[in-house]
Amino acid sequence: MSDSQPEKLPLTISFLGIGLMGKPMVNRLLDAGYRLTVWNRTMEKAQAFADSARVAASPADAVRGADVIITMLENGMVVDDVLYVSSAIESLASKALVIDMSSIEPGMARCHGERVADLGGEYLDAPVSGGTRGAESGTLSIMAGGSEEAFSRALPILAAMGKATHIGPVGSGQLAKLANQAIVGITIGAVSEALLLAAKGGARPEKVREALLGGFAGSKILEQHGERMLARNFTPGAPARIQLKDLRMILDEARAEGLSLPLSQRVFEEYRALLASGHGELDHSGLLLELERLNGVRLDAAINPNQES
């Protein structure tokens, strides 16, 4: 008998936030057999699940009576408005579990955790990494902050969406996500610069990527986002505006801890310039476009015509 069966399946789960990430995550939960209630600010996105899930009329309606409440919203302010400022969280059932899978400020996660505890519930901050591909395939990396008991309770549910790791107390999941986003943002910048440098010198950038994937420079960023750059496919898996938001949170947290993070600061400025050019809705691999703007040359036209191809 599998771990995802018997007593776990009768749970009622409410999922708030049916966006780029939330939609495939809901599909994974439905495929695992969970009974869902869904809600979204744009109601049409929730109505798309009307044949397989209950559509809540409001956040309070979604929270009321649910065993587990999962949020996958754009940022901390939205999470705060939807559940806490609106007082929708006051409809929380005793012993209900709130799992916030959004990327929000660690301090805000701690405040939300305290509010939920005061209402007799349990709380996990559990942001994710892996983008829409990971959400669709159920291979997200899930970084959870909260008690061991809350994590154990959530684990069968999280397993339907990816691999969950218990990081530590409430707020530590968000700290892990900030660490992830620092590496992602900086590495996207490095891949952009490396491919443009190679192409401008006369190398075939697709062959450079192929060669580098087999060495120490190999990474998912080089593999997936390098491919996006070469194909000039910037359809968002994770929009650049979200990467900028995460970098802003990284720098805010660093200042609060008395740290200077020069690489994160520089990449933050590059993403800010990318958004100023009107590219906030492109995938975050679109940072290449800002590098191309700075140099006045496109990657696909950068090979030096005076050198052999």
Protein backbone atom coordinates (compact mmCIF):
# COMPACT_ATOMS: atom_id res chain seq x y z
CA MET A 1 0.00 0.00 0.00
CA SER A 2 1.61 3.29 -1.07
CA ASP A 3 2.31 6.17 1.30
CA SER A 4 -0.02 8.48 -0.65
CA GLN A 5 -3.06 6.28 -0.12
CA PRO A 6 -5.61 5.52 2.66
CA GLU A 7 -6.04 8.08 5.40
CA LYS A 8 -4.28 10.88 3.50
CA LEU A 9 -6.76 10.97 0.61
CA PRO A 10 -9.92 12.09 2.51
CA LEU A 11 -8.16 15.34 3.47
CA THR A 12 -9.76 18.49 2.12
CA ILE A 13 -7.10 20.77 0.65
CA SER A 14 -7.74 24.37 -0.38
CA PHE A 15 -5.30 25.78 -2.93
CA LEU A 16 -5.13 29.55 -3.39
CA GLY A 17 -3.28 30.89 -6.43
CA ILE A 18 -3.82 29.31 -9.86
CA GLY A 19 -1.00 31.01 -11.78
CA LEU A 20 1.93 29.74 -13.84
CA MET A 21 3.10 27.57 -10.96
CA GLY A 22 -0.16 26.98 -9.12
CA LYS A 23 -2.01 25.46 -12.07
CA PRO A 24 0.36 22.52 -12.65
CA MET A 25 0.73 22.03 -8.88
CA VAL A 26 -3.06 21.69 -8.58
CA ASN A 27 -2.98 19.16 -11.41
CA ARG A 28 -0.38 17.10 -9.55
CA LEU A 29 -2.51 17.06 -6.39
CA LEU A 30 -5.62 16.07 -8.33
CA ASP A 31 -3.69 13.30 -10.07
CA ALA A 32 -2.61 12.04 -6.63
CA GLY A 33 -6.27 11.71 -5.65
CA TYR A 34 -6.62 14.64 -3.26
CA ARG A 35 -9.95 16.43 -2.86
CA LEU A 36 -9.41 20.11 -3.64
CA THR A 37 -11.04 23.49 -3.27
CA VAL A 38 -9.44 26.18 -5.47
CA TRP A 39 -9.49 29.97 -5.43
CA ASN A 40 -7.82 32.66 -7.51
CA ARG A 41 -8.09 36.42 -7.73
CA THR A 42 -8.86 36.05 -11.45
CA MET A 43 -11.83 33.71 -11.05
CA GLU A 44 -11.64 32.34 -14.60
CA LYS A 45 -8.40 30.53 -13.72
CA ALA A 46 -10.07 28.77 -10.81
CA GLN A 47 -13.19 28.00 -12.88
CA ALA A 48 -10.99 25.98 -15.25
CA PHE A 49 -10.96 23.33 -12.48
CA ALA A 50 -14.72 23.39 -11.87
CA ASP A 51 -15.13 19.83 -13.17
CA SER A 52 -12.54 18.37 -10.79
CA ALA A 53 -12.49 20.67 -7.75
CA ARG A 54 -14.77 22.93 -5.74
CA VAL A 55 -14.33 26.59 -6.66
CA ALA A 56 -14.38 28.84 -3.59
CA ALA A 57 -16.16 32.18 -3.76
CA SER A 58 -13.60 33.94 -1.55
CA PRO A 59 -10.42 33.27 0.43
CA ALA A 60 -12.50 32.93 3.61
CA ASP A 61 -14.70 30.38 1.85
CA ALA A 62 -11.57 28.45 0.81
CA VAL A 63 -10.13 28.49 4.34
CA ARG A 64 -13.37 27.54 6.10
CA GLY A 65 -13.48 23.83 6.94
CA ALA A 66 -10.27 22.91 5.09
CA ASP A 67 -7.80 20.50 6.67
CA VAL A 68 -4.92 21.98 4.69
CA ILE A 69 -4.60 25.44 3.08
CA ILE A 70 -1.90 25.90 0.42
CA THR A 71 -1.03 29.32 -0.95
CA MET A 72 0.98 29.91 -4.14
CA LEU A 73 0.68 33.66 -4.61
CA GLU A 74 2.89 36.27 -6.24
CA ASN A 75 4.57 37.85 -3.23
CA GLY A 76 4.35 38.49 0.48
CA MET A 77 2.09 41.51 0.15
CA VAL A 78 -0.46 39.49 -1.82
CA VAL A 79 -0.33 36.61 0.68
CA ASP A 80 -0.76 39.08 3.53
CA ASP A 81 -3.70 40.83 1.85
CA VAL A 82 -5.48 37.65 0.74
CA LEU A 83 -5.33 35.76 4.04
CA TYR A 84 -4.34 38.03 6.91
CA VAL A 85 -5.31 41.67 6.26
CA SER A 86 -8.68 40.43 4.93
CA SER A 87 -9.13 38.32 8.10
CA ALA A 88 -9.87 35.28 5.92
CA ILE A 89 -7.46 33.35 8.13
CA GLU A 90 -9.94 33.80 11.02
CA SER A 91 -12.03 31.09 9.33
CA LEU A 92 -9.22 28.58 9.99
CA ALA A 93 -10.36 25.33 11.56
CA SER A 94 -8.63 24.17 14.73
CA LYS A 95 -5.53 22.09 13.94
CA ALA A 96 -5.66 22.99 10.23
CA LEU A 97 -2.32 23.16 8.44
CA VAL A 98 -1.33 26.25 6.44
CA ILE A 99 1.42 25.68 3.84
CA ASP A 100 2.63 28.86 2.15
CA MET A 101 4.52 27.85 -1.01
CA SER A 102 4.85 31.45 -2.18
CA SER A 103 8.21 33.25 -2.01
CA ILE A 104 7.86 35.86 0.73
CA GLU A 105 10.04 37.66 3.26
CA PRO A 106 11.33 35.40 6.05
CA GLY A 107 10.14 37.90 8.68
CA MET A 108 6.65 37.95 7.20
CA ALA A 109 6.58 34.14 7.22
CA ARG A 110 7.39 34.20 10.95
CA CYS A 111 4.56 36.68 11.58
CA HIS A 112 2.12 34.54 9.62
CA GLY A 113 3.26 31.48 11.52
CA GLU A 114 2.54 33.20 14.84
CA ARG A 115 -0.92 34.27 13.64
CA VAL A 116 -1.79 30.72 12.57
CA ALA A 117 -0.50 29.30 15.87
CA ASP A 118 -2.67 31.77 17.80
CA LEU A 119 -5.67 30.38 15.91
CA GLY A 120 -4.79 26.81 16.89
CA GLY A 121 -3.35 25.81 13.50
CA GLU A 122 0.03 24.71 12.21
CA TYR A 123 2.18 26.55 9.65
CA LEU A 124 4.91 25.77 7.14
CA ASP A 125 6.68 28.19 4.84
CA ALA A 126 7.54 25.94 1.88
CA PRO A 127 8.73 27.87 -1.20
CA VAL A 128 9.79 25.96 -4.28
CA SER A 129 12.41 25.86 -7.00
CA GLY A 130 12.16 24.18 -10.38
CA GLY A 131 9.94 26.50 -12.41
CA THR A 132 6.97 25.45 -14.47
CA ARG A 133 8.81 22.40 -15.80
CA GLY A 134 9.33 21.11 -12.28
CA ALA A 135 5.74 21.90 -11.34
CA GLU A 136 4.41 20.01 -14.35
CA SER A 137 6.60 16.95 -13.78
CA GLY A 138 6.20 16.90 -9.99
CA THR A 139 9.94 17.38 -9.43
CA LEU A 140 9.96 20.70 -7.57
CA SER A 141 12.53 21.25 -4.84
CA ILE A 142 10.47 22.24 -1.80
CA MET A 143 12.21 24.02 1.11
CA ALA A 144 10.13 23.82 4.29
CA GLY A 145 10.34 25.81 7.51
CA GLY A 146 8.29 24.82 10.55
CA SER A 147 8.01 22.17 13.22
CA GLU A 148 8.95 18.54 12.61
CA GLU A 149 5.34 17.60 13.31
CA ALA A 150 3.94 20.01 10.72
CA PHE A 151 6.48 18.86 8.16
CA SER A 152 5.68 15.17 8.74
CA ARG A 153 2.01 15.94 8.36
CA ALA A 154 2.57 17.82 5.10
CA LEU A 155 5.09 15.41 3.57
CA PRO A 156 2.65 13.10 1.70
CA ILE A 157 0.98 16.15 0.16
CA LEU A 158 4.26 17.82 -0.79
CA ALA A 159 5.52 14.54 -2.28
CA ALA A 160 2.86 14.83 -4.99
CA MET A 161 4.57 18.03 -6.17
CA GLY A 162 8.26 17.30 -5.64
CA LYS A 163 11.01 16.53 -3.15
CA ALA A 164 10.60 18.30 0.19
CA THR A 165 13.43 19.06 2.61
CA HIS A 166 12.84 20.24 6.18
CA ILE A 167 15.21 23.20 6.59
CA GLY A 168 14.45 24.28 10.15
CA PRO A 169 12.00 26.55 12.05
CA VAL A 170 9.43 28.84 10.47
CA GLY A 171 11.13 31.31 8.11
CA SER A 172 14.04 29.05 7.23
CA GLY A 173 12.32 27.74 4.12
CA GLN A 174 12.21 31.31 2.81
CA LEU A 175 15.88 31.79 3.67
CA ALA A 176 16.72 28.69 1.63
CA LYS A 177 14.67 30.08 -1.27
CA LEU A 178 16.59 33.37 -1.09
CA ALA A 179 19.85 31.39 -1.27
CA ASN A 180 18.45 29.53 -4.28
CA GLN A 181 17.43 32.72 -6.05
CA ALA A 182 20.82 34.34 -5.44
CA ILE A 183 22.50 31.40 -7.17
CA VAL A 184 19.92 31.33 -9.97
CA GLY A 185 20.06 35.07 -10.71
CA ILE A 186 23.85 35.29 -10.61
CA THR A 187 24.26 32.13 -12.71
CA ILE A 188 21.84 33.35 -15.37
CA GLY A 189 24.02 36.45 -15.64
CA ALA A 190 27.17 34.33 -15.89
CA VAL A 191 25.69 32.08 -18.60
CA SER A 192 24.58 35.14 -20.60
CA GLU A 193 28.05 36.67 -20.44
CA ALA A 194 29.85 33.40 -21.20
CA LEU A 195 27.78 32.61 -24.30
CA LEU A 196 28.04 36.14 -25.67
CA LEU A 197 31.81 36.22 -25.05
CA ALA A 198 32.30 32.91 -26.84
CA ALA A 199 30.09 33.89 -29.78
CA LYS A 200 31.74 37.30 -30.24
CA GLY A 201 35.13 35.62 -30.35
CA GLY A 202 34.02 33.32 -33.16
CA ALA A 203 32.96 30.15 -31.31
CA ARG A 204 29.63 28.48 -31.92
CA PRO A 205 27.70 29.21 -28.70
CA GLU A 206 25.57 26.07 -28.95
CA LYS A 207 28.75 23.96 -29.11
CA VAL A 208 30.29 25.91 -26.21
CA ARG A 209 27.20 25.13 -24.13
CA GLU A 210 27.39 21.46 -25.14
CA ALA A 211 31.04 21.25 -24.10
CA LEU A 212 30.55 23.09 -20.81
CA LEU A 213 27.68 20.86 -19.73
CA GLY A 214 30.19 18.04 -19.30
CA GLY A 215 32.52 19.98 -16.98
CA PHE A 216 32.49 21.92 -13.72
CA ALA A 217 30.46 24.72 -15.32
CA GLY A 218 27.60 22.35 -16.03
CA SER A 219 24.32 23.25 -14.31
CA LYS A 220 20.57 23.25 -14.82
CA ILE A 221 20.85 26.97 -15.56
CA LEU A 222 23.32 26.33 -18.39
CA GLU A 223 21.26 23.38 -19.58
CA GLN A 224 17.77 24.89 -19.53
CA HIS A 225 18.28 28.65 -19.64
CA GLY A 226 21.28 28.41 -21.94
CA GLU A 227 18.99 26.52 -24.33
CA ARG A 228 16.35 29.25 -23.96
CA MET A 229 18.92 31.95 -24.78
CA LEU A 230 20.15 30.13 -27.87
CA ALA A 231 16.58 29.55 -29.08
CA ARG A 232 15.55 33.07 -28.01
CA ASN A 233 12.59 31.47 -26.26
CA PHE A 234 11.72 33.80 -23.40
CA THR A 235 8.19 32.55 -22.77
CA PRO A 236 8.03 32.83 -18.98
CA GLY A 237 8.62 29.85 -16.77
CA ALA A 238 9.59 32.35 -14.07
CA PRO A 239 9.05 36.01 -15.07
CA ALA A 240 11.94 38.46 -14.78
CA ARG A 241 9.85 40.68 -12.48
CA ILE A 242 9.64 37.81 -9.96
CA GLN A 243 13.42 37.34 -10.11
CA LEU A 244 13.83 41.06 -9.42
CA LYS A 245 11.44 40.79 -6.47
CA ASP A 246 13.45 37.90 -5.06
CA LEU A 247 16.74 39.74 -5.49
CA ARG A 248 15.26 42.73 -3.69
CA MET A 249 14.31 40.45 -0.78
CA ILE A 250 17.83 38.96 -0.78
CA LEU A 251 19.40 42.41 -0.47
CA ASP A 252 16.89 43.52 2.19
CA GLU A 253 17.64 40.40 4.25
CA ALA A 254 21.38 40.94 3.77
CA ARG A 255 21.14 44.52 5.03
CA ALA A 256 19.14 43.35 8.05
CA GLU A 257 21.93 40.87 8.83
CA GLY A 258 24.73 43.40 8.23
CA LEU A 259 25.97 41.65 5.09
CA SER A 260 27.25 43.05 1.78
CA LEU A 261 26.46 40.87 -1.25
CA PRO A 262 28.11 42.58 -4.24
CA LEU A 263 27.25 39.93 -6.85
CA SER A 264 23.57 39.91 -5.87
CA GLN A 265 23.58 43.73 -5.90
CA ARG A 266 25.03 43.85 -9.41
CA VAL A 267 22.59 41.30 -10.82
CA PHE A 268 19.71 43.13 -9.11
CA GLU A 269 20.72 46.30 -11.00
CA GLU A 270 20.83 44.38 -14.28
CA TYR A 271 17.35 42.94 -13.74
CA ARG A 272 16.06 46.37 -12.78
CA ALA A 273 17.40 47.72 -16.10
CA LEU A 274 15.79 44.78 -17.93
CA LEU A 275 12.41 45.68 -16.43
CA ALA A 276 12.93 49.33 -17.26
CA SER A 277 13.26 48.25 -20.90
CA GLY A 278 9.79 46.70 -20.69
CA HIS A 279 10.79 43.04 -20.37
CA GLY A 280 9.38 42.23 -16.94
CA GLU A 281 7.01 39.55 -18.23
CA LEU A 282 9.71 37.63 -20.12
CA ASP A 283 11.41 34.62 -18.57
CA HIS A 284 14.28 35.53 -16.23
CA SER A 285 16.70 34.01 -18.75
CA GLY A 286 15.79 37.12 -20.77
CA LEU A 287 18.53 38.88 -18.78
CA LEU A 288 20.53 38.11 -21.94
CA LEU A 289 18.58 40.94 -23.61
CA GLU A 290 19.99 43.49 -21.16
CA LEU A 291 23.53 42.25 -21.87
CA GLU A 292 22.84 42.50 -25.60
CA ARG A 293 21.56 46.05 -25.13
CA LEU A 294 24.69 47.05 -23.22
CA ASN A 295 26.92 45.67 -25.98
CA GLY A 296 24.83 46.58 -28.99
CA VAL A 297 24.92 43.04 -30.37
CA ARG A 298 22.66 39.99 -30.30
CA LEU A 299 23.94 36.57 -29.31
CA ASP A 300 22.72 35.02 -32.57
CA ALA A 301 24.57 37.67 -34.59
CA ALA A 302 27.69 37.97 -32.45
CA ILE A 303 30.06 35.56 -34.22
CA ASN A 304 32.98 37.52 -35.64
CA PRO A 305 32.69 37.31 -39.43
CA ASN A 306 36.50 37.55 -39.72
CA GLN A 307 36.94 34.22 -37.92
CA GLU A 308 36.12 30.75 -39.15
CA SER A 309 32.79 29.33 -38.00
